[in-house]
C-alpha atoms as a PDB file:
ATOM      1  CA  MET A   1      16.155   4.692  28.607  1.00  0.00           C
ATOM      2  CA  GLY A   2      15.409   6.556  25.381  1.00  0.00           C
ATOM      3  CA  THR A   3      12.426   8.431  23.583  1.00  0.00           C
ATOM      4  CA  CYS A   4       9.859   7.109  21.442  1.00  0.00           C
ATOM      5  CA  LYS A   5      10.613   8.156  17.749  1.00  0.00           C
ATOM      6  CA  ARG A   6       7.226   6.608  16.515  1.00  0.00           C
ATOM      7  CA  LYS A   7       4.736   4.138  16.851  1.00  0.00           C
ATOM      8  CA  ILE A   8       4.097   1.894  14.076  1.00  0.00           C
ATOM      9  CA  ASP A   9       0.875  -0.428  13.923  1.00  0.00           C
ATOM     10  CA  CYS A  10       0.987  -3.847  11.987  1.00  0.00           C
ATOM     11  CA  ASN A  11      -1.340  -6.844  11.473  1.00  0.00           C
ATOM     12  CA  SER A  12      -0.309 -10.095  12.988  1.00  0.00           C
ATOM     13  CA  VAL A  13      -1.796 -13.606  13.053  1.00  0.00           C
ATOM     14  CA  ALA A  14      -0.173 -14.025  16.423  1.00  0.00           C
ATOM     15  CA  GLY A  15      -2.567 -14.901  19.304  1.00  0.00           C
ATOM     16  CA  GLY A  16      -5.849 -15.740  18.920  1.00  0.00           C
ATOM     17  CA  ARG A  17      -7.728 -18.273  16.874  1.00  0.00           C
ATOM     18  CA  LYS A  18      -6.798 -19.416  13.474  1.00  0.00           C
ATOM     19  CA  GLY A  19      -7.490 -16.696  10.764  1.00  0.00           C
ATOM     20  CA  GLU A  20      -8.008 -14.056  13.578  1.00  0.00           C
ATOM     21  CA  ARG A  21      -5.654 -10.831  13.730  1.00  0.00           C
ATOM     22  CA  ARG A  22      -4.676  -8.665  16.281  1.00  0.00           C
ATOM     23  CA  LYS A  23      -3.170  -5.322  15.946  1.00  0.00           C
ATOM     24  CA  MET A  24       0.535  -5.299  17.367  1.00  0.00           C
ATOM     25  CA  SER A  25       2.159  -2.304  18.363  1.00  0.00           C
ATOM     26  CA  ILE A  26       5.845  -1.779  17.736  1.00  0.00           C
ATOM     27  CA  VAL A  27       7.726   1.164  19.118  1.00  0.00           C
ATOM     28  CA  ARG A  28      10.927   2.281  17.935  1.00  0.00           C
ATOM     29  CA  PHE A  29      13.544   3.870  20.950  1.00  0.00           C
ATOM     30  CA  SER A  30      16.818   4.817  20.893  1.00  0.00           C
ATOM     31  CA  ILE A  31      19.569   4.086  23.552  1.00  0.00           C
ATOM     32  CA  SER A  32      22.974   5.194  24.265  1.00  0.00           C
ATOM     33  CA  LEU A  33      25.745   2.390  25.060  1.00  0.00           C
ATOM     34  CA  ASP A  34      29.474   2.242  25.290  1.00  0.00           C
ATOM     35  CA  ARG A  35      31.026   1.276  21.882  1.00  0.00           C
ATOM     36  CA  ASP A  36      32.697  -1.851  23.131  1.00  0.00           C
ATOM     37  CA  LEU A  37      29.306  -2.939  24.920  1.00  0.00           C
ATOM     38  CA  VAL A  38      27.550  -2.798  21.888  1.00  0.00           C
ATOM     39  CA  HIS A  39      30.439  -4.699  19.873  1.00  0.00           C
ATOM     40  CA  LYS A  40      30.397  -7.307  22.505  1.00  0.00           C
ATOM     41  CA  PHE A  41      26.793  -7.881  22.137  1.00  0.00           C
ATOM     42  CA  ASP A  42      26.764  -7.866  18.649  1.00  0.00           C
ATOM     43  CA  ARG A  43      29.511 -10.657  18.788  1.00  0.00           C
ATOM     44  CA  LYS A  44      27.037 -12.500  20.984  1.00  0.00           C
ATOM     45  CA  ILE A  45      24.101 -12.487  19.230  1.00  0.00           C
ATOM     46  CA  LYS A  46      25.730 -13.278  15.985  1.00  0.00           C
ATOM     47  CA  ALA A  47      27.393 -16.228  17.458  1.00  0.00           C
ATOM     48  CA  GLU A  48      23.875 -17.194  18.721  1.00  0.00           C
ATOM     49  CA  ARG A  49      22.238 -16.617  15.272  1.00  0.00           C
ATOM     50  CA  CYS A  50      19.859 -14.075  16.647  1.00  0.00           C
ATOM     51  CA  PRO A  51      18.487 -12.401  13.319  1.00  0.00           C
ATOM     52  CA  THR A  52      18.448  -8.831  14.919  1.00  0.00           C
ATOM     53  CA  ARG A  53      19.426  -6.491  17.905  1.00  0.00           C
ATOM     54  CA  SER A  54      15.838  -5.581  18.344  1.00  0.00           C
ATOM     55  CA  LYS A  55      15.006  -9.421  18.982  1.00  0.00           C
ATOM     56  CA  ALA A  56      18.306  -9.689  21.125  1.00  0.00           C
ATOM     57  CA  VAL A  57      17.150  -6.818  23.151  1.00  0.00           C
ATOM     58  CA  GLY A  58      13.605  -7.942  23.222  1.00  0.00           C
ATOM     59  CA  ASP A  59      14.596 -11.405  24.741  1.00  0.00           C
ATOM     60  CA  LEU A  60      16.711  -9.297  27.387  1.00  0.00           C
ATOM     61  CA  ILE A  61      13.638  -7.346  28.416  1.00  0.00           C
ATOM     62  CA  ARG A  62      11.286 -10.564  28.772  1.00  0.00           C
ATOM     63  CA  ALA A  63      14.166 -12.453  30.658  1.00  0.00           C
ATOM     64  CA  ALA A  64      14.287  -9.099  33.080  1.00  0.00           C
ATOM     65  CA  LEU A  65      10.166  -9.230  33.294  1.00  0.00           C
ATOM     66  CA  VAL A  66      10.396 -13.092  34.287  1.00  0.00           C
ATOM     67  CA  ARG A  67      12.805 -12.368  36.976  1.00  0.00           C
ATOM     68  CA  THR A  68      10.218  -9.623  37.966  1.00  0.00           C
ATOM     69  CA  GLU A  69       7.496 -12.157  38.125  1.00  0.00           C
ATOM     70  CA  TRP A  70       9.368 -14.842  40.511  1.00  0.00           C
ATOM     71  CA  GLN A  71      10.755 -11.971  42.701  1.00  0.00           C
ATOM     72  CA  ALA A  72       7.016 -10.429  42.997  1.00  0.00           C
ATOM     73  CA  GLY A  73       5.887 -13.916  44.110  1.00  0.00           C
ATOM     74  CA  GLU A  74       3.479 -14.359  40.934  1.00  0.00           C
ATOM     75  CA  GLU A  75       2.158 -17.452  39.636  1.00  0.00           C
ATOM     76  CA  VAL A  76       5.030 -18.716  37.653  1.00  0.00           C
ATOM     77  CA  ALA A  77       5.809 -21.831  35.703  1.00  0.00           C
ATOM     78  CA  GLY A  78       9.490 -23.782  35.221  1.00  0.00           C
ATOM     79  CA  ALA A  79      11.180 -26.999  35.272  1.00  0.00           C
ATOM     80  CA  ILE A  80      13.092 -28.736  37.729  1.00  0.00           C
ATOM     81  CA  VAL A  81      16.170 -31.053  36.152  1.00  0.00           C
ATOM     82  CA  LEU A  82      17.549 -33.923  37.990  1.00  0.00           C
ATOM     83  CA  VAL A  83      20.123 -36.211  37.234  1.00  0.00           C
ATOM     84  CA  TYR A  84      20.553 -39.085  39.328  1.00  0.00           C
ATOM     85  CA  ASP A  85      21.967 -42.932  39.507  1.00  0.00           C
ATOM     86  CA  HIS A  86      18.547 -44.986  39.994  1.00  0.00           C
ATOM     87  CA  HIS A  87      20.509 -47.571  41.803  1.00  0.00           C
ATOM     88  CA  LYS A  88      21.310 -45.325  44.669  1.00  0.00           C
ATOM     89  CA  LYS A  89      19.526 -46.679  47.831  1.00  0.00           C
ATOM     90  CA  ASP A  90      15.829 -45.190  48.173  1.00  0.00           C
ATOM     91  CA  VAL A  91      16.242 -42.082  45.758  1.00  0.00           C
ATOM     92  CA  LEU A  92      13.561 -43.214  43.702  1.00  0.00           C
ATOM     93  CA  ARG A  93      11.198 -43.518  46.869  1.00  0.00           C
ATOM     94  CA  LYS A  94      12.258 -40.265  48.172  1.00  0.00           C
ATOM     95  CA  LEU A  95      11.649 -38.667  44.851  1.00  0.00           C
ATOM     96  CA  THR A  96       8.298 -39.912  44.181  1.00  0.00           C
ATOM     97  CA  ASN A  97       7.221 -38.969  47.691  1.00  0.00           C
ATOM     98  CA  VAL A  98       8.159 -35.223  47.392  1.00  0.00           C
ATOM     99  CA  GLN A  99       6.488 -35.407  43.878  1.00  0.00           C
ATOM    100  CA  HIS A 100       3.306 -36.962  45.372  1.00  0.00           C
ATOM    101  CA  ASP A 101       3.472 -34.528  48.579  1.00  0.00           C
ATOM    102  CA  CYS A 102       3.396 -31.478  45.832  1.00  0.00           C
ATOM    103  CA  HIS A 103       1.258 -32.785  43.352  1.00  0.00           C
ATOM    104  CA  GLU A 104      -0.946 -29.347  43.223  1.00  0.00           C
ATOM    105  CA  SER A 105       2.364 -27.726  41.733  1.00  0.00           C
ATOM    106  CA  ILE A 106       3.735 -30.157  39.475  1.00  0.00           C
ATOM    107  CA  ILE A 107       2.193 -30.348  36.256  1.00  0.00           C
ATOM    108  CA  SER A 108       4.016 -33.556  34.861  1.00  0.00           C
ATOM    109  CA  THR A 109       7.442 -35.348  34.817  1.00  0.00           C
ATOM    110  CA  GLN A 110       9.485 -36.819  32.220  1.00  0.00           C
ATOM    111  CA  HIS A 111      12.050 -39.914  33.165  1.00  0.00           C
ATOM    112  CA  ILE A 112      14.805 -40.204  30.935  1.00  0.00           C
ATOM    113  CA  HIS A 113      17.332 -43.321  31.001  1.00  0.00           C
ATOM    114  CA  LEU A 114      20.455 -41.458  30.275  1.00  0.00           C
ATOM    115  CA  ASP A 115      22.764 -44.969  30.413  1.00  0.00           C
ATOM    116  CA  HIS A 116      22.461 -48.049  32.343  1.00  0.00           C
ATOM    117  CA  ASP A 117      23.011 -46.340  35.645  1.00  0.00           C
ATOM    118  CA  ASN A 118      22.181 -42.383  35.326  1.00  0.00           C
ATOM    119  CA  CYS A 119      18.460 -40.835  34.760  1.00  0.00           C
ATOM    120  CA  LEU A 120      17.388 -37.747  34.062  1.00  0.00           C
ATOM    121  CA  GLU A 121      13.921 -36.494  35.261  1.00  0.00           C
ATOM    122  CA  ILE A 122      12.246 -33.084  34.394  1.00  0.00           C
ATOM    123  CA  VAL A 123       9.622 -31.944  36.687  1.00  0.00           C
ATOM    124  CA  ALA A 124       7.132 -29.298  34.906  1.00  0.00           C
ATOM    125  CA  VAL A 125       5.838 -27.015  38.152  1.00  0.00           C
ATOM    126  CA  ARG A 126       3.396 -24.161  38.129  1.00  0.00           C
ATOM    127  CA  ASP A 127       2.550 -22.161  41.375  1.00  0.00           C
ATOM    128  CA  LYS A 128       3.700 -19.191  43.102  1.00  0.00           C
ATOM    129  CA  ALA A 129       7.329 -18.841  43.037  1.00  0.00           C
ATOM    130  CA  ALA A 130       7.611 -19.679  47.079  1.00  0.00           C
ATOM    131  CA  GLY A 131       5.839 -22.741  46.041  1.00  0.00           C
ATOM    132  CA  ILE A 132       8.118 -23.970  43.584  1.00  0.00           C
ATOM    133  CA  ASP A 133      11.445 -22.706  45.430  1.00  0.00           C
ATOM    134  CA  ALA A 134       9.841 -25.028  48.385  1.00  0.00           C
ATOM    135  CA  ILE A 135       9.618 -27.821  45.986  1.00  0.00           C
ATOM    136  CA  LEU A 136      13.290 -27.125  44.721  1.00  0.00           C
ATOM    137  CA  ARG A 137      14.581 -26.920  48.106  1.00  0.00           C
ATOM    138  CA  ARG A 138      12.949 -30.579  49.191  1.00  0.00           C
ATOM    139  CA  LEU A 139      14.476 -31.940  46.016  1.00  0.00           C
ATOM    140  CA  LYS A 140      17.813 -30.514  46.610  1.00  0.00           C
ATOM    141  CA  ALA A 141      17.640 -32.437  50.020  1.00  0.00           C
ATOM    142  CA  VAL A 142      17.552 -35.805  48.578  1.00  0.00           C
ATOM    143  CA  LYS A 143      20.824 -37.715  49.199  1.00  0.00           C
ATOM    144  CA  GLY A 144      22.141 -39.207  46.124  1.00  0.00           C
ATOM    145  CA  LEU A 145      21.047 -36.802  43.432  1.00  0.00           C
ATOM    146  CA  LYS A 146      23.956 -35.838  40.880  1.00  0.00           C
ATOM    147  CA  HIS A 147      22.573 -32.565  39.602  1.00  0.00           C
ATOM    148  CA  VAL A 148      19.337 -30.667  40.190  1.00  0.00           C
ATOM    149  CA  SER A 149      18.801 -27.154  38.874  1.00  0.00           C
ATOM    150  CA  MET A 150      15.990 -24.678  38.087  1.00  0.00           C
ATOM    151  CA  ALA A 151      14.900 -23.110  34.668  1.00  0.00           C
ATOM    152  CA  ALA A 152      12.757 -20.261  35.798  1.00  0.00           C
ATOM    153  CA  GLY A 153       9.445 -19.497  33.368  1.00  0.00           C
ATOM    154  CA  THR A 154       6.312 -18.056  32.964  1.00  0.00           C
ATOM    155  CA  THR A 155       2.763 -18.675  32.654  1.00  0.00           C
ATOM    156  CA  GLY A 156       3.069 -16.215  30.021  1.00  0.00           C
ATOM    157  CA  SER A 157       0.041 -14.112  30.951  1.00  0.00           C
ATOM    158  CA  HIS A 158       1.901 -11.040  31.994  1.00  0.00           C
ATOM    159  CA  LEU A 159       4.051 -10.777  28.983  1.00  0.00           C
ATOM    160  CA  PRO A 160       3.065  -9.412  25.507  1.00  0.00           C
END
């Protein structure tokens, strides 16, 4: 990457109890990138209303660290999103059975009625990555689902 130019310490109220301060350490470093790549990145972060390049790069680093947690088999968290027609035969029963079988890993579920026929269900999960992947595979196997996706997250315990 780059070399550390200087370290800046600043007080922050982030973390801890109300009124408690902790030291936050900021490191400035430089990197060299292709000019076109930087211009595309700047257009992207401007369109997303990201306030600074530093914030955007930090977000990318955190996303990479979350992927590493999943690959390393750490305890992680996430959300499984399901869309289905609740009139389809046995869909609700099968989804409920999977969720009850996996209750140790499921933190909560939220059921939303999208219209007369379609429902959106969000299943919040926390477990080792392999356990969550197993739940995801079981849910994807339920016939009658229109959409299943996973939003991989983190418990936050390994990120600053």
